[in-house]
């Protein structure tokens, strides 16, 4: 059972641990690599038009508020997951300590 918990935790790690790295909107980097795949069949002018619309939408106060709430929810989930993983197996603390500081806020 512990192995399945850790396996699930590790499989979620990219979605759980690096969530504050979402500033490369529509991005070519990081966790937004999926955008590159989704946009691969678009022409360059279509990509540029979509990116411009996205950037403009991100200036909307409602969108900004929702974005901040999403980031806070991701942090809460990550912190809860880390705490639950430590509760399930306290011996993983040295492993968590190897992660960059923004990945282990709940233990700091």
PDB file of N, CA and C in Angstrom:
ATOM      1  N   UNK A   1       0.821  -1.193   0.000  1.00  0.00           N
ATOM      2  CA  UNK A   1       0.000   0.000   0.000  1.00  0.00           C
ATOM      3  C   UNK A   1       0.866   1.258   0.000  1.00  0.00           C
ATOM      4  N   UNK A   2       1.923   1.255   0.788  1.00  0.00           N
ATOM      5  CA  UNK A   2       2.817   2.397   0.833  1.00  0.00           C
ATOM      6  C   UNK A   2       3.445   2.647  -0.529  1.00  0.00           C
ATOM      7  N   UNK A   3       3.817   1.579  -1.198  1.00  0.00           N
ATOM      8  CA  UNK A   3       4.412   1.722  -2.527  1.00  0.00           C
ATOM      9  C   UNK A   3       3.415   2.384  -3.476  1.00  0.00           C
ATOM     10  N   UNK A   4       2.157   1.982  -3.395  1.00  0.00           N
ATOM     11  CA  UNK A   4       1.164   2.596  -4.292  1.00  0.00           C
ATOM     12  C   UNK A   4       0.956   4.066  -3.948  1.00  0.00           C
ATOM     13  N   UNK A   5       1.001   4.410  -2.663  1.00  0.00           N
ATOM     14  CA  UNK A   5       0.862   5.816  -2.260  1.00  0.00           C
ATOM     15  C   UNK A   5       2.032   6.623  -2.792  1.00  0.00           C
ATOM     16  N   UNK A   6       3.239   6.107  -2.591  1.00  0.00           N
ATOM     17  CA  UNK A   6       4.408   6.815  -3.087  1.00  0.00           C
ATOM     18  C   UNK A   6       4.407   6.878  -4.607  1.00  0.00           C
ATOM     19  N   UNK A   7       4.006   5.790  -5.240  1.00  0.00           N
ATOM     20  CA  UNK A   7       3.934   5.781  -6.701  1.00  0.00           C
ATOM     21  C   UNK A   7       2.974   6.828  -7.206  1.00  0.00           C
ATOM     22  N   UNK A   8       1.833   6.918  -6.563  1.00  0.00           N
ATOM     23  CA  UNK A   8       0.850   7.929  -6.950  1.00  0.00           C
ATOM     24  C   UNK A   8       1.415   9.317  -6.684  1.00  0.00           C
ATOM     25  N   UNK A   9       2.023   9.485  -5.541  1.00  0.00           N
ATOM     26  CA  UNK A   9       2.620  10.786  -5.212  1.00  0.00           C
ATOM     27  C   UNK A   9       3.692  11.183  -6.197  1.00  0.00           C
ATOM     28  N   UNK A  10       4.533  10.242  -6.569  1.00  0.00           N
ATOM     29  CA  UNK A  10       5.590  10.547  -7.521  1.00  0.00           C
ATOM     30  C   UNK A  10       5.040  10.780  -8.917  1.00  0.00           C
ATOM     31  N   UNK A  11       3.984  10.055  -9.271  1.00  0.00           N
ATOM     32  CA  UNK A  11       3.408  10.284 -10.597  1.00  0.00           C
ATOM     33  C   UNK A  11       2.741  11.645 -10.666  1.00  0.00           C
ATOM     34  N   UNK A  12       2.280  12.153  -9.530  1.00  0.00           N
ATOM     35  CA  UNK A  12       1.673  13.476  -9.487  1.00  0.00           C
ATOM     36  C   UNK A  12       2.700  14.572  -9.252  1.00  0.00           C
ATOM     37  N   UNK A  13       3.923  14.190  -8.937  1.00  0.00           N
ATOM     38  CA  UNK A  13       4.936  15.167  -8.569  1.00  0.00           C
ATOM     39  C   UNK A  13       5.060  16.313  -9.559  1.00  0.00           C
ATOM     40  N   UNK A  14       5.116  16.069 -10.858  1.00  0.00           N
ATOM     41  CA  UNK A  14       5.220  17.223 -11.751  1.00  0.00           C
ATOM     42  C   UNK A  14       4.026  18.158 -11.626  1.00  0.00           C
ATOM     43  N   UNK A  15       2.858  17.610 -11.392  1.00  0.00           N
ATOM     44  CA  UNK A  15       1.664  18.449 -11.264  1.00  0.00           C
ATOM     45  C   UNK A  15       1.565  19.063  -9.883  1.00  0.00           C
ATOM     46  N   UNK A  16       2.218  18.458  -8.902  1.00  0.00           N
ATOM     47  CA  UNK A  16       2.072  18.891  -7.524  1.00  0.00           C
ATOM     48  C   UNK A  16       3.215  19.793  -7.093  1.00  0.00           C
ATOM     49  N   UNK A  17       4.408  19.459  -7.469  1.00  0.00           N
ATOM     50  CA  UNK A  17       5.566  20.085  -6.868  1.00  0.00           C
ATOM     51  C   UNK A  17       6.004  21.391  -7.511  1.00  0.00           C
ATOM     52  N   UNK A  18       5.806  21.574  -8.753  1.00  0.00           N
ATOM     53  CA  UNK A  18       6.330  22.764  -9.401  1.00  0.00           C
ATOM     54  C   UNK A  18       5.274  23.721  -9.854  1.00  0.00           C
ATOM     55  N   UNK A  19       4.256  23.894  -9.125  1.00  0.00           N
ATOM     56  CA  UNK A  19       3.119  24.628  -9.623  1.00  0.00           C
ATOM     57  C   UNK A  19       3.321  26.124  -9.711  1.00  0.00           C
ATOM     58  N   UNK A  20       4.279  26.671  -9.059  1.00  0.00           N
ATOM     59  CA  UNK A  20       4.469  28.111  -9.157  1.00  0.00           C
ATOM     60  C   UNK A  20       5.244  28.496 -10.400  1.00  0.00           C
ATOM     61  N   UNK A  21       5.538  27.547 -11.228  1.00  0.00           N
ATOM     62  CA  UNK A  21       6.298  27.818 -12.433  1.00  0.00           C
ATOM     63  C   UNK A  21       5.379  28.051 -13.614  1.00  0.00           C
ATOM     64  N   UNK A  22       4.212  28.586 -13.397  1.00  0.00           N
ATOM     65  CA  UNK A  22       3.255  28.734 -14.470  1.00  0.00           C
ATOM     66  C   UNK A  22       3.248  30.141 -15.032  1.00  0.00           C
ATOM     67  N   UNK A  23       4.336  30.846 -14.924  1.00  0.00           N
ATOM     68  CA  UNK A  23       4.384  32.206 -15.413  1.00  0.00           C
ATOM     69  C   UNK A  23       4.764  32.285 -16.880  1.00  0.00           C
ATOM     70  N   UNK A  24       5.187  31.180 -17.497  1.00  0.00           N
ATOM     71  CA  UNK A  24       5.533  31.203 -18.909  1.00  0.00           C
ATOM     72  C   UNK A  24       4.298  30.918 -19.744  1.00  0.00           C
ATOM     73  N   UNK A  25       3.326  31.807 -19.654  1.00  0.00           N
ATOM     74  CA  UNK A  25       2.010  31.623 -20.242  1.00  0.00           C
ATOM     75  C   UNK A  25       2.100  31.181 -21.696  1.00  0.00           C
ATOM     76  N   UNK A  26       1.206  30.285 -22.078  1.00  0.00           N
ATOM     77  CA  UNK A  26       1.143  29.701 -23.415  1.00  0.00           C
ATOM     78  C   UNK A  26       2.483  29.186 -23.835  1.00  0.00           C
ATOM     79  N   UNK A  27       3.155  28.642 -22.909  1.00  0.00           N
ATOM     80  CA  UNK A  27       4.529  28.632 -23.018  1.00  0.00           C
ATOM     81  C   UNK A  27       5.311  27.641 -23.746  1.00  0.00           C
ATOM     82  N   UNK A  28       6.325  27.891 -24.050  1.00  0.00           N
ATOM     83  CA  UNK A  28       7.212  26.946 -24.654  1.00  0.00           C
ATOM     84  C   UNK A  28       8.002  26.217 -23.605  1.00  0.00           C
ATOM     85  N   UNK A  29       7.779  26.447 -22.359  1.00  0.00           N
ATOM     86  CA  UNK A  29       8.665  25.891 -21.333  1.00  0.00           C
ATOM     87  C   UNK A  29       7.883  25.161 -20.270  1.00  0.00           C
ATOM     88  N   UNK A  30       8.628  24.415 -19.488  1.00  0.00           N
ATOM     89  CA  UNK A  30       8.088  23.817 -18.279  1.00  0.00           C
ATOM     90  C   UNK A  30       6.822  23.026 -18.481  1.00  0.00           C
ATOM     91  N   UNK A  31       5.951  23.140 -17.503  1.00  0.00           N
ATOM     92  CA  UNK A  31       4.726  22.360 -17.516  1.00  0.00           C
ATOM     93  C   UNK A  31       3.781  22.782 -18.617  1.00  0.00           C
ATOM     94  N   UNK A  32       4.076  23.883 -19.282  1.00  0.00           N
ATOM     95  CA  UNK A  32       3.228  24.328 -20.377  1.00  0.00           C
ATOM     96  C   UNK A  32       3.641  23.705 -21.698  1.00  0.00           C
ATOM     97  N   UNK A  33       4.507  22.736 -21.665  1.00  0.00           N
ATOM     98  CA  UNK A  33       4.892  22.051 -22.880  1.00  0.00           C
ATOM     99  C   UNK A  33       3.698  21.469 -23.611  1.00  0.00           C
ATOM    100  N   UNK A  34       2.637  21.146 -22.880  1.00  0.00           N
ATOM    101  CA  UNK A  34       1.437  20.616 -23.523  1.00  0.00           C
ATOM    102  C   UNK A  34       0.842  21.623 -24.494  1.00  0.00           C
ATOM    103  N   UNK A  35       1.030  22.922 -24.231  1.00  0.00           N
ATOM    104  CA  UNK A  35       0.539  23.933 -25.163  1.00  0.00           C
ATOM    105  C   UNK A  35       1.245  23.800 -26.503  1.00  0.00           C
ATOM    106  N   UNK A  36       2.539  23.526 -26.463  1.00  0.00           N
ATOM    107  CA  UNK A  36       3.275  23.353 -27.714  1.00  0.00           C
ATOM    108  C   UNK A  36       2.670  22.228 -28.522  1.00  0.00           C
ATOM    109  N   UNK A  37       2.347  21.131 -27.868  1.00  0.00           N
ATOM    110  CA  UNK A  37       1.746  20.008 -28.570  1.00  0.00           C
ATOM    111  C   UNK A  37       0.383  20.381 -29.127  1.00  0.00           C
ATOM    112  N   UNK A  38      -0.430  21.057 -28.339  1.00  0.00           N
ATOM    113  CA  UNK A  38      -1.769  21.428 -28.783  1.00  0.00           C
ATOM    114  C   UNK A  38      -1.727  22.455 -29.908  1.00  0.00           C
ATOM    115  N   UNK A  39      -0.729  23.279 -29.906  1.00  0.00           N
ATOM    116  CA  UNK A  39      -0.640  24.338 -30.899  1.00  0.00           C
ATOM    117  C   UNK A  39       0.188  23.941 -32.118  1.00  0.00           C
ATOM    118  N   UNK A  40       0.714  22.735 -32.117  1.00  0.00           N
ATOM    119  CA  UNK A  40       1.603  22.298 -33.192  1.00  0.00           C
ATOM    120  C   UNK A  40       0.934  22.350 -34.560  1.00  0.00           C
ATOM    121  N   UNK A  41      -0.372  22.135 -34.612  1.00  0.00           N
ATOM    122  CA  UNK A  41      -1.045  22.123 -35.908  1.00  0.00           C
ATOM    123  C   UNK A  41      -1.539  23.507 -36.329  1.00  0.00           C
ATOM    124  N   UNK A  42      -1.234  24.540 -35.535  1.00  0.00           N
ATOM    125  CA  UNK A  42      -1.624  25.904 -35.891  1.00  0.00           C
ATOM    126  C   UNK A  42      -0.515  26.573 -36.690  1.00  0.00           C
ATOM    127  N   UNK A  43      -0.908  27.479 -37.540  1.00  0.00           N
ATOM    128  CA  UNK A  43       0.089  28.263 -38.278  1.00  0.00           C
ATOM    129  C   UNK A  43       0.724  29.270 -37.322  1.00  0.00           C
ATOM    130  N   UNK A  44       1.858  29.813 -37.700  1.00  0.00           N
ATOM    131  CA  UNK A  44       2.527  30.809 -36.861  1.00  0.00           C
ATOM    132  C   UNK A  44       1.614  32.023 -36.629  1.00  0.00           C
ATOM    133  N   UNK A  45       0.929  32.551 -37.642  1.00  0.00           N
ATOM    134  CA  UNK A  45       0.019  33.668 -37.371  1.00  0.00           C
ATOM    135  C   UNK A  45      -1.115  33.300 -36.395  1.00  0.00           C
ATOM    136  N   UNK A  46      -1.617  32.071 -36.486  1.00  0.00           N
ATOM    137  CA  UNK A  46      -2.661  31.629 -35.550  1.00  0.00           C
ATOM    138  C   UNK A  46      -2.112  31.557 -34.131  1.00  0.00           C
ATOM    139  N   UNK A  47      -0.903  31.029 -33.985  1.00  0.00           N
ATOM    140  CA  UNK A  47      -0.275  30.950 -32.655  1.00  0.00           C
ATOM    141  C   UNK A  47      -0.083  32.347 -32.074  1.00  0.00           C
ATOM    142  N   UNK A  48       0.404  33.269 -32.905  1.00  0.00           N
ATOM    143  CA  UNK A  48       0.646  34.631 -32.429  1.00  0.00           C
ATOM    144  C   UNK A  48      -0.660  35.308 -32.034  1.00  0.00           C
ATOM    145  N   UNK A  49      -1.708  35.074 -32.809  1.00  0.00           N
ATOM    146  CA  UNK A  49      -3.013  35.662 -32.500  1.00  0.00           C
ATOM    147  C   UNK A  49      -3.555  35.101 -31.184  1.00  0.00           C
ATOM    148  N   UNK A  50      -3.431  33.786 -30.993  1.00  0.00           N
ATOM    149  CA  UNK A  50      -3.881  33.153 -29.762  1.00  0.00           C
ATOM    150  C   UNK A  50      -3.085  33.650 -28.565  1.00  0.00           C
ATOM    151  N   UNK A  51      -1.772  33.781 -28.748  1.00  0.00           N
ATOM    152  CA  UNK A  51      -0.927  34.258 -27.658  1.00  0.00           C
ATOM    153  C   UNK A  51      -1.277  35.697 -27.280  1.00  0.00           C
ATOM    154  N   UNK A  52      -1.514  36.540 -28.262  1.00  0.00           N
ATOM    155  CA  UNK A  52      -1.879  37.934 -27.992  1.00  0.00           C
ATOM    156  C   UNK A  52      -3.207  37.998 -27.242  1.00  0.00           C
ATOM    157  N   UNK A  53      -4.179  37.187 -27.661  1.00  0.00           N
ATOM    158  CA  UNK A  53      -5.470  37.164 -26.974  1.00  0.00           C
ATOM    159  C   UNK A  53      -5.309  36.676 -25.540  1.00  0.00           C
ATOM    160  N   UNK A  54      -4.451  35.678 -25.359  1.00  0.00           N
ATOM    161  CA  UNK A  54      -4.194  35.142 -24.019  1.00  0.00           C
ATOM    162  C   UNK A  54      -3.570  36.207 -23.127  1.00  0.00           C
ATOM    163  N   UNK A  55      -2.572  36.906 -23.651  1.00  0.00           N
ATOM    164  CA  UNK A  55      -1.920  37.951 -22.867  1.00  0.00           C
ATOM    165  C   UNK A  55      -2.897  39.063 -22.490  1.00  0.00           C
ATOM    166  N   UNK A  56      -3.753  39.420 -23.418  1.00  0.00           N
ATOM    167  CA  UNK A  56      -4.752  40.453 -23.124  1.00  0.00           C
ATOM    168  C   UNK A  56      -5.740  39.947 -22.070  1.00  0.00           C
ATOM    169  N   UNK A  57      -6.178  38.710 -22.215  1.00  0.00           N
ATOM    170  CA  UNK A  57      -7.110  38.131 -21.243  1.00  0.00           C
ATOM    171  C   UNK A  57      -6.491  38.078 -19.852  1.00  0.00           C
ATOM    172  N   UNK A  58      -5.194  37.816 -19.766  1.00  0.00           N
ATOM    173  CA  UNK A  58      -4.523  37.750 -18.466  1.00  0.00           C
ATOM    174  C   UNK A  58      -4.494  39.107 -17.764  1.00  0.00           C
ATOM    175  N   UNK A  59      -4.766  40.182 -18.469  1.00  0.00           N
ATOM    176  CA  UNK A  59      -4.820  41.516 -17.864  1.00  0.00           C
ATOM    177  C   UNK A  59      -6.184  41.800 -17.224  1.00  0.00           C
ATOM    178  N   UNK A  60      -7.164  40.978 -17.538  1.00  0.00           N
ATOM    179  CA  UNK A  60      -8.514  41.149 -16.998  1.00  0.00           C
ATOM    180  C   UNK A  60      -8.499  40.855 -15.493  1.00  0.00           C
ATOM    181  N   UNK A  61      -9.022  41.751 -14.679  1.00  0.00           N
ATOM    182  CA  UNK A  61      -9.004  41.532 -13.223  1.00  0.00           C
ATOM    183  C   UNK A  61      -9.685  40.230 -12.787  1.00  0.00           C
ATOM    184  N   UNK A  62     -10.743  39.839 -13.474  1.00  0.00           N
ATOM    185  CA  UNK A  62     -11.427  38.590 -13.121  1.00  0.00           C
ATOM    186  C   UNK A  62     -10.528  37.391 -13.386  1.00  0.00           C
ATOM    187  N   UNK A  63      -9.829  37.439 -14.520  1.00  0.00           N
ATOM    188  CA  UNK A  63      -8.915  36.349 -14.862  1.00  0.00           C
ATOM    189  C   UNK A  63      -7.739  36.334 -13.891  1.00  0.00           C
ATOM    190  N   UNK A  64      -7.209  37.500 -13.561  1.00  0.00           N
ATOM    191  CA  UNK A  64      -6.094  37.576 -12.612  1.00  0.00           C
ATOM    192  C   UNK A  64      -6.494  37.013 -11.254  1.00  0.00           C
ATOM    193  N   UNK A  65      -7.687  37.355 -10.806  1.00  0.00           N
ATOM    194  CA  UNK A  65      -8.176  36.840  -9.526  1.00  0.00           C
ATOM    195  C   UNK A  65      -8.306  35.317  -9.565  1.00  0.00           C
ATOM    196  N   UNK A  66      -8.893  34.819 -10.640  1.00  0.00           N
ATOM    197  CA  UNK A  66      -9.047  33.365 -10.778  1.00  0.00           C
ATOM    198  C   UNK A  66      -7.690  32.676 -10.849  1.00  0.00           C
ATOM    199  N   UNK A  67      -6.727  33.302 -11.512  1.00  0.00           N
ATOM    200  CA  UNK A  67      -5.377  32.738 -11.628  1.00  0.00           C
ATOM    201  C   UNK A  67      -4.716  32.649 -10.259  1.00  0.00           C
ATOM    202  N   UNK A  68      -4.860  33.710  -9.461  1.00  0.00           N
ATOM    203  CA  UNK A  68      -4.291  33.708  -8.107  1.00  0.00           C
ATOM    204  C   UNK A  68      -4.947  32.628  -7.242  1.00  0.00           C
ATOM    205  N   UNK A  69      -6.263  32.476  -7.373  1.00  0.00           N
ATOM    206  CA  UNK A  69      -6.963  31.430  -6.620  1.00  0.00           C
ATOM    207  C   UNK A  69      -6.473  30.051  -7.041  1.00  0.00           C
ATOM    208  N   UNK A  70      -6.248  29.868  -8.355  1.00  0.00           N
ATOM    209  CA  UNK A  70      -5.756  28.583  -8.850  1.00  0.00           C
ATOM    210  C   UNK A  70      -4.360  28.289  -8.278  1.00  0.00           C
ATOM    211  N   UNK A  71      -3.493  29.297  -8.281  1.00  0.00           N
ATOM    212  CA  UNK A  71      -2.148  29.085  -7.742  1.00  0.00           C
ATOM    213  C   UNK A  71      -2.200  28.760  -6.253  1.00  0.00           C
ATOM    214  N   UNK A  72      -3.082  29.450  -5.509  1.00  0.00           N
ATOM    215  CA  UNK A  72      -3.219  29.176  -4.078  1.00  0.00           C
ATOM    216  C   UNK A  72      -3.742  27.758  -3.853  1.00  0.00           C
ATOM    217  N   UNK A  73      -4.702  27.333  -4.666  1.00  0.00           N
ATOM    218  CA  UNK A  73      -5.237  25.969  -4.536  1.00  0.00           C
ATOM    219  C   UNK A  73      -4.162  24.939  -4.856  1.00  0.00           C
ATOM    220  N   UNK A  74      -3.339  25.212  -5.840  1.00  0.00           N
ATOM    221  CA  UNK A  74      -2.242  24.289  -6.172  1.00  0.00           C
ATOM    222  C   UNK A  74      -1.248  24.188  -5.022  1.00  0.00           C
ATOM    223  N   UNK A  75      -0.930  25.361  -4.426  1.00  0.00           N
ATOM    224  CA  UNK A  75      -0.011  25.342  -3.268  1.00  0.00           C
ATOM    225  C   UNK A  75      -0.611  24.545  -2.122  1.00  0.00           C
ATOM    226  N   UNK A  76      -1.901  24.761  -1.855  1.00  0.00           N
ATOM    227  CA  UNK A  76      -2.569  24.040  -0.778  1.00  0.00           C
ATOM    228  C   UNK A  76      -2.543  22.538  -1.043  1.00  0.00           C
ATOM    229  N   UNK A  77      -2.817  22.145  -2.290  1.00  0.00           N
ATOM    230  CA  UNK A  77      -2.789  20.729  -2.644  1.00  0.00           C
ATOM    231  C   UNK A  77      -1.383  20.158  -2.464  1.00  0.00           C
ATOM    232  N   UNK A  78      -0.383  20.863  -2.967  1.00  0.00           N
ATOM    233  CA  UNK A  78       1.001  20.396  -2.845  1.00  0.00           C
ATOM    234  C   UNK A  78       1.396  20.247  -1.383  1.00  0.00           C
ATOM    235  N   UNK A  79       1.063  21.249  -0.581  1.00  0.00           N
ATOM    236  CA  UNK A  79       1.426  21.190   0.834  1.00  0.00           C
ATOM    237  C   UNK A  79       0.697  20.052   1.553  1.00  0.00           C
ATOM    238  N   UNK A  80      -0.574  19.870   1.227  1.00  0.00           N
ATOM    239  CA  UNK A  80      -1.345  18.773   1.817  1.00  0.00           C
ATOM    240  C   UNK A  80      -0.781  17.420   1.397  1.00  0.00           C
ATOM    241  N   UNK A  81      -0.434  17.300   0.121  1.00  0.00           N
ATOM    242  CA  UNK A  81       0.137  16.049  -0.382  1.00  0.00           C
ATOM    243  C   UNK A  81       1.459  15.748   0.306  1.00  0.00           C
ATOM    244  N   UNK A  82       2.316  16.758   0.415  1.00  0.00           N
ATOM    245  CA  UNK A  82       3.605  16.542   1.075  1.00  0.00           C
ATOM    246  C   UNK A  82       3.409  16.123   2.532  1.00  0.00           C
ATOM    247  N   UNK A  83       2.494  16.794   3.229  1.00  0.00           N
ATOM    248  CA  UNK A  83       2.242  16.446   4.631  1.00  0.00           C
ATOM    249  C   UNK A  83       1.704  15.027   4.752  1.00  0.00           C
ATOM    250  N   UNK A  84       0.807  14.655   3.850  1.00  0.00           N
ATOM    251  CA  UNK A  84       0.248  13.302   3.888  1.00  0.00           C
ATOM    252  C   UNK A  84       1.304  12.255   3.550  1.00  0.00           C
ATOM    253  N   UNK A  85       2.176  12.575   2.613  1.00  0.00           N
ATOM    254  CA  UNK A  85       3.255  11.642   2.274  1.00  0.00           C
ATOM    255  C   UNK A  85       4.190  11.453   3.466  1.00  0.00           C
ATOM    256  N   UNK A  86       4.497  12.557   4.152  1.00  0.00           N
ATOM    257  CA  UNK A  86       5.350  12.457   5.345  1.00  0.00           C
ATOM    258  C   UNK A  86       4.664  11.673   6.453  1.00  0.00           C
ATOM    259  N   UNK A  87       3.378  11.862   6.586  1.00  0.00           N
ATOM    260  CA  UNK A  87       2.624  11.106   7.592  1.00  0.00           C
ATOM    261  C   UNK A  87       2.657   9.608   7.251  1.00  0.00           C
ATOM    262  N   UNK A  88       2.511   9.305   5.954  1.00  0.00           N
ATOM    263  CA  UNK A  88       2.525   7.912   5.519  1.00  0.00           C
ATOM    264  C   UNK A  88       3.901   7.292   5.695  1.00  0.00           C
ATOM    265  N   UNK A  89       4.944   8.085   5.482  1.00  0.00           N
ATOM    266  CA  UNK A  89       6.310   7.568   5.595  1.00  0.00           C
ATOM    267  C   UNK A  89       7.264   8.699   5.957  1.00  0.00           C
ATOM    268  N   UNK A  90       7.485   8.939   7.252  1.00  0.00           N
ATOM    269  CA  UNK A  90       8.377  10.016   7.674  1.00  0.00           C
ATOM    270  C   UNK A  90       9.802   9.874   7.146  1.00  0.00           C
ATOM    271  N   UNK A  91      10.184   8.678   6.750  1.00  0.00           N
ATOM    272  CA  UNK A  91      11.555   8.476   6.271  1.00  0.00           C
ATOM    273  C   UNK A  91      11.808   9.128   4.912  1.00  0.00           C
ATOM    274  N   UNK A  92      10.766   9.668   4.259  1.00  0.00           N
ATOM    275  CA  UNK A  92      10.989  10.335   2.976  1.00  0.00           C
ATOM    276  C   UNK A  92      11.456  11.772   3.142  1.00  0.00           C
ATOM    277  N   UNK A  93      11.536  12.260   4.386  1.00  0.00           N
ATOM    278  CA  UNK A  93      11.966  13.647   4.611  1.00  0.00           C
ATOM    279  C   UNK A  93      13.288  13.956   3.902  1.00  0.00           C
ATOM    280  N   UNK A  94      14.315  13.093   4.006  1.00  0.00           N
ATOM    281  CA  UNK A  94      15.563  13.405   3.293  1.00  0.00           C
ATOM    282  C   UNK A  94      15.369  13.514   1.777  1.00  0.00           C
ATOM    283  N   UNK A  95      14.429  12.750   1.244  1.00  0.00           N
ATOM    284  CA  UNK A  95      14.147  12.832  -0.195  1.00  0.00           C
ATOM    285  C   UNK A  95      13.507  14.180  -0.508  1.00  0.00           C
ATOM    286  N   UNK A  96      12.531  14.581   0.306  1.00  0.00           N
ATOM    287  CA  UNK A  96      11.890  15.876   0.104  1.00  0.00           C
ATOM    288  C   UNK A  96      12.889  17.018   0.261  1.00  0.00           C
ATOM    289  N   UNK A  97      13.849  16.846   1.178  1.00  0.00           N
ATOM    290  CA  UNK A  97      14.856  17.879   1.397  1.00  0.00           C
ATOM    291  C   UNK A  97      15.735  18.094   0.172  1.00  0.00           C
ATOM    292  N   UNK A  98      15.811  17.113  -0.698  1.00  0.00           N
ATOM    293  CA  UNK A  98      16.613  17.243  -1.910  1.00  0.00           C
ATOM    294  C   UNK A  98      15.916  18.084  -2.983  1.00  0.00           C
ATOM    295  N   UNK A  99      14.612  18.277  -2.813  1.00  0.00           N
ATOM    296  CA  UNK A  99      13.855  19.061  -3.787  1.00  0.00           C
ATOM    297  C   UNK A  99      14.152  20.542  -3.605  1.00  0.00           C
ATOM    298  N   UNK A 100      14.049  21.325  -4.676  1.00  0.00           N
ATOM    299  CA  UNK A 100      14.230  22.778  -4.525  1.00  0.00           C
ATOM    300  C   UNK A 100      13.267  23.335  -3.482  1.00  0.00           C
ATOM    301  N   UNK A 101      13.647  24.432  -2.857  1.00  0.00           N
ATOM    302  CA  UNK A 101      12.894  24.991  -1.735  1.00  0.00           C
ATOM    303  C   UNK A 101      11.435  25.253  -2.059  1.00  0.00           C
ATOM    304  N   UNK A 102      11.103  25.705  -3.248  1.00  0.00           N
ATOM    305  CA  UNK A 102       9.702  26.004  -3.554  1.00  0.00           C
ATOM    306  C   UNK A 102       8.872  24.739  -3.679  1.00  0.00           C
ATOM    307  N   UNK A 103       9.512  23.588  -3.723  1.00  0.00           N
ATOM    308  CA  UNK A 103       8.779  22.316  -3.801  1.00  0.00           C
ATOM    309  C   UNK A 103       8.437  21.768  -2.421  1.00  0.00           C
ATOM    310  N   UNK A 104       9.042  22.292  -1.396  1.00  0.00           N
ATOM    311  CA  UNK A 104       8.850  21.691  -0.077  1.00  0.00           C
ATOM    312  C   UNK A 104       8.483  22.740   0.971  1.00  0.00           C
ATOM    313  N   UNK A 105       7.706  23.692   0.606  1.00  0.00           N
ATOM    314  CA  UNK A 105       7.324  24.779   1.532  1.00  0.00           C
ATOM    315  C   UNK A 105       6.690  24.273   2.820  1.00  0.00           C
ATOM    316  N   UNK A 106       5.890  23.218   2.726  1.00  0.00           N
ATOM    317  CA  UNK A 106       5.170  22.777   3.920  1.00  0.00           C
ATOM    318  C   UNK A 106       6.097  22.161   4.962  1.00  0.00           C
ATOM    319  N   UNK A 107       7.294  21.766   4.557  1.00  0.00           N
ATOM    320  CA  UNK A 107       8.205  21.159   5.529  1.00  0.00           C
ATOM    321  C   UNK A 107       9.179  22.184   6.090  1.00  0.00           C
ATOM    322  N   UNK A 108       9.345  23.327   5.416  1.00  0.00           N
ATOM    323  CA  UNK A 108      10.363  24.300   5.756  1.00  0.00           C
ATOM    324  C   UNK A 108      10.106  24.896   7.046  1.00  0.00           C
TER     325      UNK A 108
END
